Amino acid sequence: MDDEVRGLAPGPARVQGHRRFPWGRRAPRNEAELAPDVLSRTYAALDLGTNNCRLLVARPTADSFRVIDAFSRIIRLGEGVSSSGTLSEAAIARALEALRICRDKMVNRGVTRARLIATEACRAAGNGPEFLARVHDQVGIELEVVDRETEALLAATGCTPLIDPTAHEVLLFDIGGGSSELVRLGRPLPAEGGPPAPKIRAWISLPVGVVTLAERHGGIRVDRHLFETMVQEVAELIGGFAARHGVSAIDMHMLGTSGTVTTIAGVHLGLKRYDRRQVDGCWMSEGEVTAVVEQLLAMSYEDRVANACIGRERADLVLAGCAILEAIRRAFPCARLRVADRGLREGMLVQMMRDDGMWNAP
């Protein structure tokens, strides 16, 4: 797995094995400025997904990191890719606009090291390479298209701190826009410093996400029959993995990361507006998850739009996400689910900081 950061347009100098950020519009920083004291280094992690563009900017602390800036926007880069095979011009324009905001935030925060990744939409689109070239030329950043194994590892790395230390097994799931990852985890590896490291026992990436599933079946008017059709489609993709890697639900819990599961948690908590502080790390029982899914199925599209934790941007996607989750739950019955409002970006930050020797390796 290539762990070199592909940052911005290539420059001659490197810091900690990664490209310096020339940004194309400002004079280069000197080496002393680029390599300050360990705890004042500034890192960035960008995840350009099928549905969202997300950025975190952070500085290391004694045992983790402190976020100093963030950005998240639904851009639907993968809209229509499952049928057309290409990224549309409208989707590209939305992505370029979001990426310019991310670039400016990184410049303003003095980021010296970053990892900027793209996932399923860019993997699947025939014009993915042309899009990456436009990002390089028009925004001044170079995106790294990661494979599905890397995506699963990064999600596990970012979510490991939320594993119940008394659990013997954990099933992590990340329901994305164009793909979904399942990772079977053992107890985290001990670490003398920094976040714990994941112990991955098995993983699979499913070629389906909320955007692709909703586009195939429709997400605005979803009745029970249509919902079950979506569940069965996903179940067929999970079956082989579940047969090989299914484990007893005793001393096991699920750990979910994605807009689907955080939306479910927000609805369960009855939030008047989404609040990450209440959602990240919250526990839900099997019955509580079922109750929210049933509640969402009973809602009209207009009701979903009006819900503060769903909104117009997710109203046509949330039931496709629930169908993916339902297929996972049926394949891996489990009494407890922990919700993570974290994932790939946090995993990238931990990996970069650990590679730089911020904490002792596990």
Foldseek 3Di string as FASTA:
>chain_A
DDLEAQKFDADDDDDLRYGFQPQVPDDGDDPCLLDDPQQLAKEKEWEAEQFKTKMWIWGDDFFAIDTDDMDMDTLNQQAPCVPPLAGDPSSLVSVLVRLLVVLVVCVVSVHNYYHAEYEDSLVRHPCSVVSQVCCNVVRGIGYHYDYPVLQQQLQCLWCLQLDDQQFQWEWEWEAGQFKIKIWIWGRFDDFPGYGTHTHTDDMDIGRGHLNRLCVVQNQQQDAPVSLVVLLVVLLVVCVVVLVVDADDQVSYEYEYEYLLQLLLQCVLVVDQARDQVVQASDKDFPVSSVVSLVVLNPDHLVRQCPRRSAHPSRSRRNSSNVSNVVSVCVSHPYTMYTYHHIGNRSSSVRVVSVSVVSGGDD
